[in-house]
Amino acid sequence: MELRESILQGTIRVFNQKGLKFTMDDIANALGISKKTIYTVFQNKEELFLDMVDYLFDNIKISERQVLENPELDTLTKLRRLLGVLPETYQEIDFKQLYLLKDKYPKIYDQVEKRLETGWEATIALLEQGMAEGVIRRIEIPIFKLMMEAALEQFFQRDILIRHQISYQSALDEVVSILVDGIRASVL
């Protein structure tokens, strides 16, 4: 298990430096191991990339739990943080490069899309709690979910972040701000 995680973490570092053009040799060199060792864990680059997607999203879910379990945060703050959560170690990842996935690695892109569209239970529960508390206005949750998913998918389908030199974290923060401030109950 340690070798697998080490390879995945190394892949993330190399991806951040080279984008999708990284090679298994790049990862082996970064980790100081042989390429053959990598192939004992992953059959090929595509399998490694698929596992990396799951690894990234699984770690995001761990960070989401930490937000949800923090008793010092109110519902609106939890919602804002939950929607924009990225583990500290992911702050430097160049997610802007992921827009290239759709054409070059459609299977991996499908996995990213699947992970974006699932695992919404905690967010939905917070939205419902916020409506019950009156801190957000009544909304159609499926529409809210669709808007969030669509925004994130556009980051991965188009080069808008690269063209405008916007980091993924900044873009995510902006989307969250627009959505959450747009659903916050108005104070008269």
Protein backbone atom coordinates (compact mmCIF):
# COMPACT_ATOMS: atom_id res chain seq x y z
CA MET A 1 0.00 0.00 0.00
CA GLU A 2 2.86 2.41 0.77
CA LEU A 3 4.47 1.92 -2.64
CA ARG A 4 1.17 2.54 -4.43
CA GLU A 5 0.57 5.76 -2.48
CA SER A 6 4.16 6.89 -3.01
CA ILE A 7 3.79 6.37 -6.76
CA LEU A 8 0.47 8.24 -6.81
CA GLN A 9 1.93 11.17 -4.86
CA GLY A 10 4.95 11.21 -7.17
CA THR A 11 2.65 11.16 -10.18
CA ILE A 12 0.79 14.18 -8.83
CA ARG A 13 4.08 16.09 -8.42
CA VAL A 14 5.27 15.14 -11.92
CA PHE A 15 1.85 15.93 -13.42
CA ASN A 16 2.03 19.37 -11.86
CA GLN A 17 5.42 19.96 -13.50
CA LYS A 18 4.80 18.41 -16.92
CA GLY A 19 1.04 18.14 -17.35
CA LEU A 20 -0.30 15.17 -19.28
CA LYS A 21 3.00 14.77 -21.12
CA PHE A 22 4.69 13.09 -18.16
CA THR A 23 6.21 9.66 -18.72
CA MET A 24 6.69 6.65 -16.48
CA ASP A 25 10.42 7.48 -16.64
CA ASP A 26 9.64 10.94 -15.23
CA ILE A 27 7.83 9.37 -12.28
CA ALA A 28 10.57 6.79 -11.70
CA ASN A 29 13.23 9.53 -11.73
CA ALA A 30 11.22 11.74 -9.36
CA LEU A 31 10.79 8.87 -6.92
CA GLY A 32 14.27 7.41 -7.31
CA ILE A 33 12.88 3.99 -8.25
CA SER A 34 12.94 1.93 -11.40
CA LYS A 35 10.22 2.09 -14.00
CA LYS A 36 9.93 -1.68 -13.56
CA THR A 37 8.90 -1.10 -9.94
CA ILE A 38 6.09 1.19 -11.08
CA TYR A 39 4.92 -1.50 -13.48
CA THR A 40 4.62 -3.98 -10.60
CA VAL A 41 1.85 -1.76 -9.24
CA PHE A 42 0.35 -0.21 -12.40
CA GLN A 43 0.16 -1.92 -15.79
CA ASN A 44 0.35 1.31 -17.79
CA LYS A 45 0.04 5.08 -17.68
CA GLU A 46 -3.73 4.99 -18.17
CA GLU A 47 -4.24 2.68 -15.18
CA LEU A 48 -1.96 4.91 -13.11
CA PHE A 49 -3.92 7.97 -14.18
CA LEU A 50 -7.26 6.31 -13.36
CA ASP A 51 -6.01 5.44 -9.89
CA MET A 52 -4.66 8.96 -9.48
CA VAL A 53 -8.13 10.38 -10.20
CA ASP A 54 -9.67 8.16 -7.54
CA TYR A 55 -6.84 8.96 -5.12
CA LEU A 56 -7.39 12.70 -5.60
CA PHE A 57 -11.16 12.47 -5.15
CA ASP A 58 -10.86 10.12 -2.15
CA ASN A 59 -8.59 12.65 -0.45
CA ILE A 60 -11.03 15.43 -1.24
CA LYS A 61 -13.73 13.37 0.51
CA ILE A 62 -11.49 13.08 3.59
CA SER A 63 -11.14 16.88 3.63
CA GLU A 64 -14.92 17.20 3.23
CA ARG A 65 -15.44 15.05 6.34
CA GLN A 66 -13.10 17.31 8.30
CA VAL A 67 -15.22 20.32 7.31
CA LEU A 68 -18.46 18.55 8.20
CA GLU A 69 -17.16 17.40 11.59
CA ASN A 70 -15.90 20.85 12.62
CA PRO A 71 -18.33 22.02 15.33
CA GLU A 72 -16.98 25.58 15.15
CA LEU A 73 -18.37 26.18 11.65
CA ASP A 74 -21.93 27.31 10.97
CA THR A 75 -23.96 25.73 8.18
CA LEU A 76 -23.25 28.41 5.57
CA THR A 77 -19.51 28.33 6.24
CA LYS A 78 -19.52 24.52 6.07
CA LEU A 79 -21.37 24.67 2.76
CA ARG A 80 -18.95 27.22 1.31
CA ARG A 81 -15.92 25.21 2.43
CA LEU A 82 -17.40 21.89 1.38
CA LEU A 83 -18.05 23.10 -2.16
CA GLY A 84 -14.56 24.57 -2.47
CA VAL A 85 -12.57 21.99 -0.56
CA LEU A 86 -9.17 20.97 -1.82
CA PRO A 87 -6.72 19.25 0.49
CA GLU A 88 -3.71 21.41 1.38
CA THR A 89 -1.40 19.16 -0.62
CA TYR A 90 -3.49 19.77 -3.76
CA GLN A 91 -3.19 23.55 -3.72
CA GLU A 92 -0.29 23.44 -6.18
CA ILE A 93 -1.80 20.92 -8.62
CA ASP A 94 -2.32 22.38 -12.07
CA PHE A 95 -5.92 21.26 -12.56
CA LYS A 96 -6.08 23.58 -15.57
CA GLN A 97 -4.32 20.86 -17.57
CA LEU A 98 -7.21 18.47 -17.07
CA TYR A 99 -9.13 20.00 -19.97
CA LEU A 100 -6.81 17.98 -22.23
CA LEU A 101 -8.16 14.72 -20.82
CA LYS A 102 -11.34 14.60 -22.87
CA ASP A 103 -9.56 14.15 -26.18
CA LYS A 104 -6.38 12.36 -25.14
CA TYR A 105 -7.70 10.11 -22.37
CA PRO A 106 -11.50 9.79 -22.67
CA LYS A 107 -11.67 6.90 -20.19
CA ILE A 108 -9.91 8.99 -17.55
CA TYR A 109 -12.07 12.00 -18.36
CA ASP A 110 -15.17 9.81 -17.88
CA GLN A 111 -13.84 8.83 -14.45
CA VAL A 112 -13.34 12.50 -13.49
CA GLU A 113 -16.85 13.28 -14.71
CA LYS A 114 -18.30 10.34 -12.77
CA ARG A 115 -16.56 11.41 -9.57
CA LEU A 116 -17.82 15.00 -10.01
CA GLU A 117 -21.39 13.76 -10.39
CA THR A 118 -21.42 11.43 -7.37
CA GLY A 119 -20.86 11.83 -3.66
CA TRP A 120 -23.19 14.78 -3.20
CA GLU A 121 -25.01 13.40 -0.14
CA ALA A 122 -23.21 15.60 2.40
CA THR A 123 -23.66 18.72 0.30
CA ILE A 124 -27.36 18.01 -0.23
CA ALA A 125 -27.81 17.46 3.50
CA LEU A 126 -26.12 20.81 4.21
CA LEU A 127 -28.31 22.56 1.64
CA GLU A 128 -31.41 21.07 3.26
CA GLN A 129 -30.13 22.03 6.72
CA GLY A 130 -29.43 25.59 5.52
CA MET A 131 -32.95 25.91 4.12
CA ALA A 132 -34.43 24.55 7.39
CA GLU A 133 -32.36 27.05 9.40
CA GLY A 134 -33.34 29.88 7.05
CA VAL A 135 -29.73 30.80 6.21
CA ILE A 136 -30.25 29.96 2.55
CA ARG A 137 -33.38 30.53 0.55
CA ARG A 138 -35.49 27.69 -0.79
CA ILE A 139 -33.84 26.31 -3.90
CA GLU A 140 -34.22 23.36 -6.21
CA ILE A 141 -31.28 21.24 -5.12
CA PRO A 142 -31.00 19.32 -8.43
CA ILE A 143 -30.57 22.67 -10.24
CA PHE A 144 -27.92 23.85 -7.77
CA LYS A 145 -26.07 20.55 -8.19
CA LEU A 146 -26.30 20.78 -11.96
CA MET A 147 -24.90 24.32 -11.96
CA MET A 148 -21.93 23.34 -9.77
CA GLU A 149 -21.18 20.23 -11.81
CA ALA A 150 -21.50 22.12 -15.10
CA ALA A 151 -19.08 24.82 -13.97
CA LEU A 152 -16.47 22.27 -12.89
CA GLU A 153 -16.92 20.20 -16.04
CA GLN A 154 -16.34 23.30 -18.17
CA PHE A 155 -13.00 23.78 -16.41
CA PHE A 156 -12.07 20.28 -17.58
CA GLN A 157 -13.54 20.59 -21.08
CA ARG A 158 -12.19 23.93 -22.14
CA ASP A 159 -8.97 25.88 -21.84
CA ILE A 160 -10.65 28.91 -20.24
CA LEU A 161 -8.48 28.79 -17.11
CA ILE A 162 -5.29 28.61 -19.13
CA ARG A 163 -6.31 31.35 -21.57
CA HIS A 164 -7.20 33.70 -18.73
CA GLN A 165 -4.38 32.56 -16.42
CA ILE A 166 -6.77 31.68 -13.61
CA SER A 167 -5.81 28.98 -11.16
CA TYR A 168 -8.22 26.15 -10.58
CA GLN A 169 -8.50 27.11 -6.90
CA SER A 170 -9.36 30.73 -7.78
CA ALA A 171 -11.94 29.61 -10.32
CA LEU A 172 -13.44 27.15 -7.84
CA ASP A 173 -13.58 29.84 -5.14
CA GLU A 174 -15.34 32.19 -7.56
CA VAL A 175 -17.94 29.60 -8.56
CA VAL A 176 -18.60 28.77 -4.91
CA SER A 177 -18.91 32.45 -4.03
CA ILE A 178 -21.38 33.10 -6.85
CA LEU A 179 -23.48 30.06 -6.02
CA VAL A 180 -23.48 30.40 -2.23
CA ASP A 181 -23.99 34.16 -2.20
CA GLY A 182 -26.78 33.68 -4.71
CA ILE A 183 -28.62 31.23 -2.43
CA ARG A 184 -27.98 32.98 0.86
CA ALA A 185 -31.17 34.19 2.46
CA SER A 186 -31.45 37.95 2.20
CA VAL A 187 -31.50 39.91 5.40
CA LEU A 188 -34.04 42.71 5.33
